PDB file of N, CA and C in Angstrom:
ATOM      1  N   MET A   1     -15.653  20.560  -9.980  1.00  0.00           N
ATOM      2  CA  MET A   1     -17.537  20.425  -9.841  1.00  0.00           C
ATOM      3  C   MET A   1     -17.784  20.379  -8.653  1.00  0.00           C
ATOM      4  N   GLU A   2     -18.348  21.711  -8.256  1.00  0.00           N
ATOM      5  CA  GLU A   2     -18.734  21.721  -6.760  1.00  0.00           C
ATOM      6  C   GLU A   2     -20.477  21.043  -6.308  1.00  0.00           C
ATOM      7  N   SER A   3     -20.359  20.640  -5.466  1.00  0.00           N
ATOM      8  CA  SER A   3     -21.845  19.915  -5.010  1.00  0.00           C
ATOM      9  C   SER A   3     -22.458  19.927  -4.200  1.00  0.00           C
ATOM     10  N   ASN A   4     -23.551  19.199  -3.821  1.00  0.00           N
ATOM     11  CA  ASN A   4     -23.804  19.908  -2.336  1.00  0.00           C
ATOM     12  C   ASN A   4     -23.770  18.265  -1.437  1.00  0.00           C
ATOM     13  N   SER A   5     -23.207  18.008  -0.980  1.00  0.00           N
ATOM     14  CA  SER A   5     -23.294  16.269  -0.098  1.00  0.00           C
ATOM     15  C   SER A   5     -23.903  16.274   0.900  1.00  0.00           C
ATOM     16  N   SER A   6     -24.553  15.251   0.942  1.00  0.00           N
ATOM     17  CA  SER A   6     -24.786  15.379   2.209  1.00  0.00           C
ATOM     18  C   SER A   6     -24.986  13.636   2.933  1.00  0.00           C
ATOM     19  N   SER A   7     -25.174  13.554   4.360  1.00  0.00           N
ATOM     20  CA  SER A   7     -25.046  12.507   4.872  1.00  0.00           C
ATOM     21  C   SER A   7     -25.670  12.119   6.162  1.00  0.00           C
ATOM     22  N   SER A   8     -26.470  11.191   6.192  1.00  0.00           N
ATOM     23  CA  SER A   8     -27.232  11.066   7.900  1.00  0.00           C
ATOM     24  C   SER A   8     -26.274  10.272   8.784  1.00  0.00           C
ATOM     25  N   ALA A   9     -26.458  11.263  10.084  1.00  0.00           N
ATOM     26  CA  ALA A   9     -25.398  10.460  10.729  1.00  0.00           C
ATOM     27  C   ALA A   9     -26.553  10.812  12.429  1.00  0.00           C
ATOM     28  N   GLY A  10     -26.792   9.107  12.486  1.00  0.00           N
ATOM     29  CA  GLY A  10     -27.641   9.382  13.645  1.00  0.00           C
ATOM     30  C   GLY A  10     -28.749  10.019  13.485  1.00  0.00           C
ATOM     31  N   GLY A  11     -30.058   9.984  12.801  1.00  0.00           N
ATOM     32  CA  GLY A  11     -30.908  10.905  12.298  1.00  0.00           C
ATOM     33  C   GLY A  11     -31.181  12.667  11.860  1.00  0.00           C
ATOM     34  N   ALA A  12     -29.682  12.930  11.742  1.00  0.00           N
ATOM     35  CA  ALA A  12     -29.461  14.410  11.990  1.00  0.00           C
ATOM     36  C   ALA A  12     -29.099  14.495  10.177  1.00  0.00           C
ATOM     37  N   GLN A  13     -29.072  15.291   9.838  1.00  0.00           N
ATOM     38  CA  GLN A  13     -29.096  15.791   8.272  1.00  0.00           C
ATOM     39  C   GLN A  13     -27.767  16.620   8.653  1.00  0.00           C
ATOM     40  N   LEU A  14     -26.798  15.942   7.712  1.00  0.00           N
ATOM     41  CA  LEU A  14     -25.283  17.079   7.904  1.00  0.00           C
ATOM     42  C   LEU A  14     -25.014  17.274   6.423  1.00  0.00           C
ATOM     43  N   THR A  15     -25.098  18.723   6.209  1.00  0.00           N
ATOM     44  CA  THR A  15     -24.399  18.688   4.536  1.00  0.00           C
ATOM     45  C   THR A  15     -23.561  19.617   4.665  1.00  0.00           C
ATOM     46  N   ARG A  16     -22.302  19.476   3.642  1.00  0.00           N
ATOM     47  CA  ARG A  16     -21.298  20.659   3.348  1.00  0.00           C
ATOM     48  C   ARG A  16     -21.501  20.571   2.445  1.00  0.00           C
ATOM     49  N   TRP A  17     -21.067  21.973   1.565  1.00  0.00           N
ATOM     50  CA  TRP A  17     -20.869  22.099   0.009  1.00  0.00           C
ATOM     51  C   TRP A  17     -19.300  22.216   0.322  1.00  0.00           C
ATOM     52  N   THR A  18     -19.255  21.186  -1.262  1.00  0.00           N
ATOM     53  CA  THR A  18     -17.839  21.112  -1.000  1.00  0.00           C
ATOM     54  C   THR A  18     -17.605  20.259  -2.952  1.00  0.00           C
ATOM     55  N   GLY A  19     -16.371  20.320  -3.242  1.00  0.00           N
ATOM     56  CA  GLY A  19     -15.913  19.650  -4.745  1.00  0.00           C
ATOM     57  C   GLY A  19     -15.879  18.176  -4.739  1.00  0.00           C
ATOM     58  N   SER A  20     -15.739  17.709  -3.599  1.00  0.00           N
ATOM     59  CA  SER A  20     -15.441  15.882  -3.289  1.00  0.00           C
ATOM     60  C   SER A  20     -16.173  15.619  -2.598  1.00  0.00           C
ATOM     61  N   PRO A  21     -16.192  14.272  -2.650  1.00  0.00           N
ATOM     62  CA  PRO A  21     -16.965  13.527  -1.223  1.00  0.00           C
ATOM     63  C   PRO A  21     -16.419  13.544  -0.021  1.00  0.00           C
ATOM     64  N   LEU A  22     -17.157  13.638   0.858  1.00  0.00           N
ATOM     65  CA  LEU A  22     -16.985  13.481   2.561  1.00  0.00           C
ATOM     66  C   LEU A  22     -16.510  12.032   2.598  1.00  0.00           C
ATOM     67  N   CYS A  23     -14.955  12.161   3.531  1.00  0.00           N
ATOM     68  CA  CYS A  23     -14.823  10.814   4.135  1.00  0.00           C
ATOM     69  C   CYS A  23     -15.480  10.651   5.009  1.00  0.00           C
ATOM     70  N   ARG A  24     -15.497   9.610   6.103  1.00  0.00           N
ATOM     71  CA  ARG A  24     -16.000   9.165   7.088  1.00  0.00           C
ATOM     72  C   ARG A  24     -16.012  10.164   8.082  1.00  0.00           C
ATOM     73  N   CYS A  25     -15.153  10.107   8.265  1.00  0.00           N
ATOM     74  CA  CYS A  25     -15.012  11.721   9.290  1.00  0.00           C
ATOM     75  C   CYS A  25     -15.854  12.941   9.165  1.00  0.00           C
ATOM     76  N   LEU A  26     -16.698  13.142   7.564  1.00  0.00           N
ATOM     77  CA  LEU A  26     -17.856  14.062   7.493  1.00  0.00           C
ATOM     78  C   LEU A  26     -16.718  15.204   6.800  1.00  0.00           C
ATOM     79  N   GLU A  27     -15.622  15.171   6.661  1.00  0.00           N
ATOM     80  CA  GLU A  27     -14.589  15.949   6.346  1.00  0.00           C
ATOM     81  C   GLU A  27     -14.203  15.965   4.664  1.00  0.00           C
ATOM     82  N   SER A  28     -13.691  16.982   4.157  1.00  0.00           N
ATOM     83  CA  SER A  28     -13.572  16.981   3.179  1.00  0.00           C
ATOM     84  C   SER A  28     -12.108  16.617   2.571  1.00  0.00           C
ATOM     85  N   PRO A  29     -11.344  15.472   2.046  1.00  0.00           N
ATOM     86  CA  PRO A  29     -10.383  15.125   2.055  1.00  0.00           C
ATOM     87  C   PRO A  29      -9.541  15.819   1.623  1.00  0.00           C
ATOM     88  N   ILE A  30      -8.429  15.604   1.342  1.00  0.00           N
ATOM     89  CA  ILE A  30      -6.939  16.571   1.291  1.00  0.00           C
ATOM     90  C   ILE A  30      -6.513  15.637   0.301  1.00  0.00           C
ATOM     91  N   VAL A  31      -6.467  16.536  -0.919  1.00  0.00           N
ATOM     92  CA  VAL A  31      -6.080  15.881  -2.365  1.00  0.00           C
ATOM     93  C   VAL A  31      -4.457  16.412  -2.015  1.00  0.00           C
ATOM     94  N   LEU A  32      -3.669  15.686  -2.337  1.00  0.00           N
ATOM     95  CA  LEU A  32      -2.196  15.731  -2.377  1.00  0.00           C
ATOM     96  C   LEU A  32      -1.968  15.579  -3.243  1.00  0.00           C
ATOM     97  N   THR A  33      -0.581  16.481  -3.888  1.00  0.00           N
ATOM     98  CA  THR A  33      -0.420  16.271  -5.639  1.00  0.00           C
ATOM     99  C   THR A  33       1.138  15.510  -5.258  1.00  0.00           C
ATOM    100  N   SER A  34       0.646  14.598  -6.911  1.00  0.00           N
ATOM    101  CA  SER A  34       2.352  13.849  -6.890  1.00  0.00           C
ATOM    102  C   SER A  34       3.571  14.390  -7.124  1.00  0.00           C
ATOM    103  N   TRP A  35       4.253  13.855  -6.589  1.00  0.00           N
ATOM    104  CA  TRP A  35       5.713  14.692  -6.955  1.00  0.00           C
ATOM    105  C   TRP A  35       6.701  13.338  -8.160  1.00  0.00           C
ATOM    106  N   VAL A  36       7.826  14.636  -7.981  1.00  0.00           N
ATOM    107  CA  VAL A  36       8.336  13.651  -9.200  1.00  0.00           C
ATOM    108  C   VAL A  36       9.943  14.173  -9.294  1.00  0.00           C
ATOM    109  N   ASP A  37      10.952  13.191  -9.145  1.00  0.00           N
ATOM    110  CA  ASP A  37      12.069  13.614  -8.996  1.00  0.00           C
ATOM    111  C   ASP A  37      12.235  14.678 -10.238  1.00  0.00           C
ATOM    112  N   ASN A  38      13.238  16.177  -9.731  1.00  0.00           N
ATOM    113  CA  ASN A  38      13.478  16.692 -10.929  1.00  0.00           C
ATOM    114  C   ASN A  38      14.997  16.412 -11.232  1.00  0.00           C
ATOM    115  N   GLU A  39      15.500  15.552 -10.477  1.00  0.00           N
ATOM    116  CA  GLU A  39      16.738  15.230 -10.911  1.00  0.00           C
ATOM    117  C   GLU A  39      16.804  13.545 -11.471  1.00  0.00           C
ATOM    118  N   PRO A  40      17.857  13.767 -12.357  1.00  0.00           N
ATOM    119  CA  PRO A  40      17.556  12.133 -12.905  1.00  0.00           C
ATOM    120  C   PRO A  40      18.117  11.450 -12.473  1.00  0.00           C
ATOM    121  N   SER A  41      18.095  10.037 -12.281  1.00  0.00           N
ATOM    122  CA  SER A  41      18.226   8.896 -11.787  1.00  0.00           C
ATOM    123  C   SER A  41      19.976   8.713 -12.053  1.00  0.00           C
ATOM    124  N   HIS A  42      20.591   7.438 -11.266  1.00  0.00           N
ATOM    125  CA  HIS A  42      22.026   7.694 -10.985  1.00  0.00           C
ATOM    126  C   HIS A  42      22.199   6.230 -11.125  1.00  0.00           C
ATOM    127  N   GLY A  43      21.284   4.749 -11.192  1.00  0.00           N
ATOM    128  CA  GLY A  43      21.425   4.026 -11.518  1.00  0.00           C
ATOM    129  C   GLY A  43      21.246   3.374 -10.271  1.00  0.00           C
ATOM    130  N   TRP A  44      21.240   3.747  -9.250  1.00  0.00           N
ATOM    131  CA  TRP A  44      21.839   3.309  -7.651  1.00  0.00           C
ATOM    132  C   TRP A  44      20.328   2.739  -7.504  1.00  0.00           C
ATOM    133  N   GLN A  45      19.126   3.461  -7.847  1.00  0.00           N
ATOM    134  CA  GLN A  45      18.113   2.689  -7.311  1.00  0.00           C
ATOM    135  C   GLN A  45      17.525   1.741  -8.310  1.00  0.00           C
ATOM    136  N   LYS A  46      17.719   1.314  -9.724  1.00  0.00           N
ATOM    137  CA  LYS A  46      17.683   0.183 -10.111  1.00  0.00           C
ATOM    138  C   LYS A  46      18.811  -1.061  -9.387  1.00  0.00           C
ATOM    139  N   ARG A  47      19.707  -0.772  -9.451  1.00  0.00           N
ATOM    140  CA  ARG A  47      21.042  -1.990  -8.355  1.00  0.00           C
ATOM    141  C   ARG A  47      20.335  -2.010  -6.958  1.00  0.00           C
ATOM    142  N   ALA A  48      19.515  -0.881  -6.621  1.00  0.00           N
ATOM    143  CA  ALA A  48      19.195  -1.334  -5.138  1.00  0.00           C
ATOM    144  C   ALA A  48      17.887  -2.111  -5.327  1.00  0.00           C
ATOM    145  N   LEU A  49      16.903  -2.273  -6.013  1.00  0.00           N
ATOM    146  CA  LEU A  49      15.360  -2.668  -6.376  1.00  0.00           C
ATOM    147  C   LEU A  49      16.340  -3.999  -6.888  1.00  0.00           C
ATOM    148  N   ILE A  50      17.279  -4.700  -7.747  1.00  0.00           N
ATOM    149  CA  ILE A  50      17.715  -5.803  -7.736  1.00  0.00           C
ATOM    150  C   ILE A  50      18.178  -6.403  -7.049  1.00  0.00           C
ATOM    151  N   LYS A  51      19.409  -5.987  -6.182  1.00  0.00           N
ATOM    152  CA  LYS A  51      19.700  -6.436  -5.032  1.00  0.00           C
ATOM    153  C   LYS A  51      18.465  -6.908  -3.836  1.00  0.00           C
ATOM    154  N   ALA A  52      17.450  -6.603  -3.959  1.00  0.00           N
ATOM    155  CA  ALA A  52      16.589  -6.259  -3.113  1.00  0.00           C
ATOM    156  C   ALA A  52      15.373  -7.503  -3.466  1.00  0.00           C
ATOM    157  N   ARG A  53      15.631  -7.755  -4.688  1.00  0.00           N
ATOM    158  CA  ARG A  53      15.158  -8.752  -5.233  1.00  0.00           C
ATOM    159  C   ARG A  53      15.416 -10.183  -5.207  1.00  0.00           C
ATOM    160  N   ASN A  54      16.954  -9.805  -5.728  1.00  0.00           N
ATOM    161  CA  ASN A  54      17.961 -11.047  -5.707  1.00  0.00           C
ATOM    162  C   ASN A  54      17.436 -11.841  -4.173  1.00  0.00           C
ATOM    163  N   ARG A  55      17.790 -10.883  -3.012  1.00  0.00           N
ATOM    164  CA  ARG A  55      17.913 -11.211  -1.463  1.00  0.00           C
ATOM    165  C   ARG A  55      16.331 -12.128  -0.898  1.00  0.00           C
ATOM    166  N   ILE A  56      15.310 -11.177  -1.960  1.00  0.00           N
ATOM    167  CA  ILE A  56      14.100 -11.963  -1.287  1.00  0.00           C
ATOM    168  C   ILE A  56      13.587 -13.210  -2.040  1.00  0.00           C
ATOM    169  N   ARG A  57      14.519 -13.660  -3.141  1.00  0.00           N
ATOM    170  CA  ARG A  57      14.358 -14.605  -3.962  1.00  0.00           C
ATOM    171  C   ARG A  57      15.122 -15.813  -3.265  1.00  0.00           C
ATOM    172  N   ALA A  58      16.553 -15.513  -2.929  1.00  0.00           N
ATOM    173  CA  ALA A  58      17.121 -16.322  -1.982  1.00  0.00           C
ATOM    174  C   ALA A  58      16.609 -16.648  -1.051  1.00  0.00           C
ATOM    175  N   LEU A  59      15.463 -15.986   0.028  1.00  0.00           N
ATOM    176  CA  LEU A  59      15.136 -16.147   1.463  1.00  0.00           C
ATOM    177  C   LEU A  59      14.401 -16.929   1.180  1.00  0.00           C
ATOM    178  N   LYS A  60      13.142 -17.022  -0.373  1.00  0.00           N
ATOM    179  CA  LYS A  60      12.094 -17.627  -0.777  1.00  0.00           C
ATOM    180  C   LYS A  60      12.496 -19.098  -0.621  1.00  0.00           C
ATOM    181  N   THR A  61      13.837 -19.054  -1.422  1.00  0.00           N
ATOM    182  CA  THR A  61      14.508 -20.979  -1.800  1.00  0.00           C
ATOM    183  C   THR A  61      15.028 -20.659  -0.364  1.00  0.00           C
ATOM    184  N   GLU A  62      15.612 -20.761   0.443  1.00  0.00           N
ATOM    185  CA  GLU A  62      15.843 -21.130   1.633  1.00  0.00           C
ATOM    186  C   GLU A  62      14.542 -21.376   2.697  1.00  0.00           C
ATOM    187  N   VAL A  63      13.586 -20.778   2.877  1.00  0.00           N
ATOM    188  CA  VAL A  63      11.817 -21.071   3.149  1.00  0.00           C
ATOM    189  C   VAL A  63      12.168 -22.303   2.359  1.00  0.00           C
ATOM    190  N   GLU A  64      11.822 -22.418   1.253  1.00  0.00           N
ATOM    191  CA  GLU A  64      11.530 -24.038   0.597  1.00  0.00           C
ATOM    192  C   GLU A  64      12.010 -24.857   1.156  1.00  0.00           C
ATOM    193  N   TYR A  65      13.746 -24.898   0.968  1.00  0.00           N
ATOM    194  CA  TYR A  65      14.377 -25.594   1.646  1.00  0.00           C
ATOM    195  C   TYR A  65      14.266 -26.158   3.030  1.00  0.00           C
ATOM    196  N   TYR A  66      13.745 -25.343   4.111  1.00  0.00           N
ATOM    197  CA  TYR A  66      13.008 -25.455   5.588  1.00  0.00           C
ATOM    198  C   TYR A  66      11.412 -26.056   5.742  1.00  0.00           C
ATOM    199  N   LYS A  67      11.230 -25.939   5.012  1.00  0.00           N
ATOM    200  CA  LYS A  67       9.410 -26.857   5.001  1.00  0.00           C
ATOM    201  C   LYS A  67       9.985 -28.100   4.586  1.00  0.00           C
ATOM    202  N   ARG A  68      10.694 -28.201   2.982  1.00  0.00           N
ATOM    203  CA  ARG A  68      10.782 -29.578   2.973  1.00  0.00           C
ATOM    204  C   ARG A  68      11.491 -30.550   4.187  1.00  0.00           C
ATOM    205  N   LEU A  69      12.347 -29.930   4.828  1.00  0.00           N
ATOM    206  CA  LEU A  69      13.439 -31.228   5.719  1.00  0.00           C
ATOM    207  C   LEU A  69      12.708 -30.840   6.572  1.00  0.00           C
ATOM    208  N   LYS A  70      11.862 -29.942   7.179  1.00  0.00           N
ATOM    209  CA  LYS A  70      10.302 -30.227   8.445  1.00  0.00           C
ATOM    210  C   LYS A  70       9.752 -31.343   7.786  1.00  0.00           C
ATOM    211  N   ASP A  71       9.468 -31.323   6.637  1.00  0.00           N
ATOM    212  CA  ASP A  71       7.899 -32.208   6.024  1.00  0.00           C
ATOM    213  C   ASP A  71       8.790 -33.567   5.722  1.00  0.00           C
ATOM    214  N   GLU A  72       9.886 -33.866   6.007  1.00  0.00           N
ATOM    215  CA  GLU A  72      10.857 -34.870   5.794  1.00  0.00           C
ATOM    216  C   GLU A  72      11.031 -35.641   7.072  1.00  0.00           C
ATOM    217  N   GLU A  73      10.925 -34.654   7.910  1.00  0.00           N
ATOM    218  CA  GLU A  73      11.253 -35.134   9.605  1.00  0.00           C
ATOM    219  C   GLU A  73      10.157 -35.790  10.459  1.00  0.00           C
ATOM    220  N   ARG A  74       8.778 -35.044   9.531  1.00  0.00           N
ATOM    221  CA  ARG A  74       7.612 -35.548  10.106  1.00  0.00           C
ATOM    222  C   ARG A  74       7.064 -37.036   9.470  1.00  0.00           C
ATOM    223  N   GLY A  75       8.176 -37.206   8.000  1.00  0.00           N
ATOM    224  CA  GLY A  75       7.585 -38.551   7.462  1.00  0.00           C
ATOM    225  C   GLY A  75       8.197 -39.172   8.376  1.00  0.00           C
ATOM    226  N   LYS A  76       9.407 -39.153   8.759  1.00  0.00           N
ATOM    227  CA  LYS A  76      10.140 -40.462   9.566  1.00  0.00           C
ATOM    228  C   LYS A  76       9.981 -40.188  10.603  1.00  0.00           C
ATOM    229  N   ASN A  77       8.492 -39.939  11.270  1.00  0.00           N
ATOM    230  CA  ASN A  77       8.285 -40.144  12.871  1.00  0.00           C
ATOM    231  C   ASN A  77       6.490 -40.911  12.795  1.00  0.00           C
TER     232      ASN A  77
END
């Protein structure tokens, strides 16, 4: 869909012939295509994500522990 886009910058009328809206720099945006893996997954991706999730959960638990410890220290003083 081609359209005539215009923008007013500092009183000057700027017009571009483009098929998409102009970005802030008044240039047509570059549209990238999404990529897809051509090869099947081998399971390592899921294992890596599960390992990362478990590590994040462990770190959250550790942070909660230290927060409680700090609150207890403040309560004693």
